[in-house]
Amino acid sequence: MFTGIVQETGKITKIEEDTYTVTTDLNLQNLEIGGSIALNGACLTIISIETNAFSIQVTPETLKRTNIKYLKLKDTVNLELPLILNSGLDGHMVQGHIDDTGSITQITPHENSIYITIQTNRELMRYICEKGYVAVDGVSLTIVNCTDDEFTVSIIPHTKKNTVFSINKIGDIVNIEVDIISKYVEKLLNKRT
């Protein structure tokens, strides 16, 4: 379980088939082999740890549903350690189970924030609503508005500076995780009919 509060970024320093190595300034002392870490919002299992680096292995399902398949050497990624039960829930409940990807269609400065508009499939949009929340590349964000196939989020300069949003451009593919509660509600309501 995660919160969507990115703690650090990292750089992809090695790719071998289904294994990715990430170098980071994130404190890796409390991580263990077999433990979890969120990379661009995707919950992945750590298979090795060094002083300033770790490696994860990616399944075909993860590659199919995430933007990890597009990562190259030296690319920057968002990182978050798993939630510890006695810590605060600053963002929202994020599982690290990516639902799908979307494409950035607009980046617009707006007063003291930046609006980012993302297009995704219409199936996923039924779980996205104005003033709800969504995780984009692992960042917990409030939805400003939405249409049938796009939604807009607003980020502050701090979030832009400390996440992959600092390098995102129009056309970039991002990971999207919608609110799990909305999916459970839908399933329960469908069973009643």
Protein backbone atom coordinates (compact mmCIF):
# COMPACT_ATOMS: atom_id res chain seq x y z
CA MET A 1 0.00 0.00 0.00
CA PHE A 2 1.22 3.49 -0.89
CA THR A 3 0.02 7.09 -0.49
CA GLY A 4 0.93 8.66 -3.82
CA ILE A 5 3.46 10.97 -2.16
CA VAL A 6 6.64 10.53 -4.21
CA GLN A 7 9.67 10.46 -1.92
CA GLU A 8 12.46 10.64 -4.46
CA THR A 9 13.26 10.11 -8.11
CA GLY A 10 15.75 7.63 -9.55
CA LYS A 11 17.50 6.93 -12.84
CA ILE A 12 17.36 3.72 -14.84
CA THR A 13 20.99 2.58 -14.99
CA LYS A 14 20.63 -0.95 -16.37
CA ILE A 15 18.04 -2.92 -18.32
CA GLU A 16 18.47 -6.65 -18.88
CA GLU A 17 15.44 -8.35 -20.40
CA ASP A 18 12.78 -8.10 -17.63
CA THR A 19 15.10 -6.65 -14.94
CA TYR A 20 15.59 -2.92 -14.34
CA THR A 21 18.22 -1.38 -12.07
CA VAL A 22 17.52 2.06 -10.57
CA THR A 23 20.08 4.37 -8.94
CA THR A 24 18.67 6.82 -6.39
CA ASP A 25 19.35 9.04 -3.39
CA LEU A 26 16.37 7.43 -1.62
CA ASN A 27 17.37 5.83 1.69
CA LEU A 28 17.35 2.12 0.88
CA GLN A 29 18.48 0.93 4.34
CA ASN A 30 15.10 -0.40 5.43
CA LEU A 31 14.34 -2.16 2.14
CA GLU A 32 14.63 -5.92 1.82
CA ILE A 33 14.91 -8.31 -1.08
CA GLY A 34 11.36 -9.48 -1.74
CA GLY A 35 9.92 -6.20 -0.46
CA SER A 36 7.96 -3.68 -2.51
CA ILE A 37 8.67 -0.29 -4.01
CA ALA A 38 6.50 1.89 -6.26
CA LEU A 39 8.20 2.87 -9.53
CA ASN A 40 6.10 5.41 -11.46
CA GLY A 41 3.25 4.18 -9.29
CA ALA A 42 3.65 0.48 -10.11
CA CYS A 43 4.19 -1.77 -7.09
CA LEU A 44 7.22 -3.93 -7.90
CA THR A 45 9.27 -6.52 -6.01
CA ILE A 46 12.90 -5.76 -5.19
CA ILE A 47 15.23 -8.58 -6.27
CA SER A 48 18.57 -6.99 -5.29
CA ILE A 49 19.81 -4.00 -3.29
CA GLU A 50 23.11 -2.11 -3.33
CA THR A 51 24.12 1.07 -1.48
CA ASN A 52 22.45 3.54 -3.86
CA ALA A 53 20.65 1.18 -6.24
CA PHE A 54 18.09 -1.59 -6.42
CA SER A 55 16.79 -3.94 -9.09
CA ILE A 56 13.24 -5.03 -9.83
CA GLN A 57 11.85 -7.67 -12.16
CA VAL A 58 8.82 -6.90 -14.34
CA THR A 59 6.15 -9.37 -15.47
CA PRO A 60 4.53 -9.32 -18.93
CA GLU A 61 1.26 -8.09 -17.31
CA THR A 62 3.08 -5.13 -15.75
CA LEU A 63 4.73 -4.27 -19.07
CA LYS A 64 1.36 -4.51 -20.83
CA ARG A 65 -0.40 -2.12 -18.44
CA THR A 66 2.32 0.42 -17.60
CA ASN A 67 4.74 2.87 -19.15
CA ILE A 68 7.67 0.78 -17.91
CA LYS A 69 7.91 -0.79 -21.40
CA TYR A 70 8.95 2.65 -22.72
CA LEU A 71 11.72 3.27 -20.17
CA LYS A 72 15.27 3.64 -21.46
CA LEU A 73 18.68 3.99 -19.83
CA LYS A 74 19.04 7.29 -17.93
CA ASP A 75 15.27 7.87 -17.78
CA THR A 76 13.99 9.39 -14.54
CA VAL A 77 11.31 7.58 -12.51
CA ASN A 78 9.20 8.42 -9.44
CA LEU A 79 9.84 6.30 -6.33
CA GLU A 80 7.83 5.69 -3.17
CA LEU A 81 8.47 3.29 -0.32
CA PRO A 82 5.52 1.26 1.02
CA LEU A 83 3.27 2.79 3.64
CA ILE A 84 4.15 1.91 7.24
CA LEU A 85 1.02 1.40 9.34
CA ASN A 86 2.01 3.94 12.00
CA SER A 87 2.68 6.73 9.49
CA GLY A 88 0.21 9.34 8.23
CA LEU A 89 -1.80 8.95 5.05
CA ASP A 90 -0.84 12.19 3.31
CA GLY A 91 -2.10 11.40 -0.20
CA HIS A 92 -4.73 8.74 -0.77
CA MET A 93 -4.87 4.95 -0.75
CA VAL A 94 -2.76 3.80 -3.69
CA GLN A 95 -2.26 0.10 -4.32
CA GLY A 96 0.42 0.35 -6.95
CA HIS A 97 -1.78 -1.66 -9.33
CA ILE A 98 -1.78 0.38 -12.53
CA ASP A 99 -5.09 0.30 -14.38
CA ASP A 100 -3.86 1.68 -17.69
CA THR A 101 -1.79 4.42 -19.25
CA GLY A 102 -2.69 7.80 -20.70
CA SER A 103 -1.05 10.41 -22.88
CA ILE A 104 -0.34 14.00 -21.83
CA THR A 105 -2.23 16.28 -24.24
CA GLN A 106 -1.75 19.69 -22.55
CA ILE A 107 0.57 21.33 -20.03
CA THR A 108 -0.72 24.77 -19.08
CA PRO A 109 0.67 27.18 -16.47
CA HIS A 110 -2.19 28.50 -14.32
CA GLU A 111 -1.43 31.11 -11.64
CA ASN A 112 0.66 29.30 -8.99
CA SER A 113 0.10 25.84 -10.48
CA ILE A 114 0.36 23.82 -13.67
CA TYR A 115 -2.62 22.10 -15.30
CA ILE A 116 -1.83 18.78 -16.94
CA THR A 117 -4.45 17.18 -19.19
CA ILE A 118 -4.25 13.45 -19.84
CA GLN A 119 -6.17 11.43 -22.40
CA THR A 120 -7.00 7.81 -21.60
CA ASN A 121 -9.53 5.19 -22.63
CA ARG A 122 -13.23 5.80 -22.05
CA GLU A 123 -13.60 2.60 -19.97
CA LEU A 124 -11.23 3.99 -17.36
CA MET A 125 -12.87 7.43 -17.38
CA ARG A 126 -15.98 6.06 -15.64
CA TYR A 127 -13.88 5.89 -12.44
CA ILE A 128 -12.58 9.43 -12.79
CA CYS A 129 -14.65 12.34 -11.54
CA GLU A 130 -14.17 16.03 -10.81
CA LYS A 131 -12.66 16.59 -7.33
CA GLY A 132 -11.97 12.87 -6.99
CA TYR A 133 -8.42 11.60 -6.91
CA VAL A 134 -6.15 9.68 -9.22
CA ALA A 135 -2.53 8.52 -9.13
CA VAL A 136 -0.52 9.59 -12.18
CA ASP A 137 2.93 7.98 -12.37
CA GLY A 138 2.45 7.31 -8.67
CA VAL A 139 1.60 10.90 -7.70
CA SER A 140 -1.64 11.40 -5.76
CA LEU A 141 -3.57 14.20 -7.51
CA THR A 142 -6.98 15.85 -7.35
CA ILE A 143 -8.96 15.90 -10.58
CA VAL A 144 -9.83 19.45 -11.69
CA ASN A 145 -12.23 18.44 -14.45
CA CYS A 146 -12.88 15.65 -16.94
CA THR A 147 -14.56 14.77 -20.22
CA ASP A 148 -15.41 11.41 -21.79
CA ASP A 149 -11.75 10.63 -22.57
CA GLU A 150 -9.59 13.23 -20.78
CA PHE A 151 -9.01 14.55 -17.29
CA THR A 152 -7.05 17.49 -15.94
CA VAL A 153 -5.02 17.61 -12.73
CA SER A 154 -3.33 20.58 -11.09
CA ILE A 155 0.16 20.39 -9.62
CA ILE A 156 2.09 22.90 -7.54
CA PRO A 157 5.70 23.90 -8.34
CA HIS A 158 7.06 21.67 -5.53
CA THR A 159 5.42 18.59 -7.06
CA LYS A 160 6.68 19.51 -10.53
CA LYS A 161 10.24 20.04 -9.28
CA ASN A 162 10.43 16.79 -7.28
CA THR A 163 8.78 14.30 -9.66
CA VAL A 164 8.97 13.25 -13.29
CA PHE A 165 6.53 16.09 -14.02
CA SER A 166 9.68 18.27 -14.19
CA ILE A 167 10.62 16.60 -17.48
CA ASN A 168 7.22 15.53 -18.84
CA LYS A 169 6.14 16.90 -22.19
CA ILE A 170 3.09 16.64 -24.42
CA GLY A 171 2.77 13.12 -25.80
CA ASP A 172 4.45 11.41 -22.84
CA ILE A 173 2.78 8.21 -21.64
CA VAL A 174 1.92 8.12 -17.92
CA ASN A 175 0.64 5.40 -15.59
CA ILE A 176 -2.86 5.79 -14.18
CA GLU A 177 -4.34 4.17 -11.08
CA VAL A 178 -7.94 5.07 -10.31
CA ASP A 179 -9.70 4.95 -6.95
CA ILE A 180 -10.10 1.29 -5.95
CA ILE A 181 -13.20 2.13 -3.89
CA SER A 182 -15.12 3.23 -7.01
CA LYS A 183 -14.37 -0.12 -8.66
CA TYR A 184 -15.60 -2.05 -5.61
CA VAL A 185 -18.79 0.04 -5.44
CA GLU A 186 -19.46 -0.61 -9.12
CA LYS A 187 -18.98 -4.35 -8.68
CA LEU A 188 -21.26 -4.48 -5.64
CA LEU A 189 -23.98 -2.52 -7.40
CA ASN A 190 -23.74 -4.76 -10.48
CA LYS A 191 -24.23 -7.86 -8.32
CA ARG A 192 -27.53 -6.45 -6.97
CA THR A 193 -29.12 -6.22 -10.40
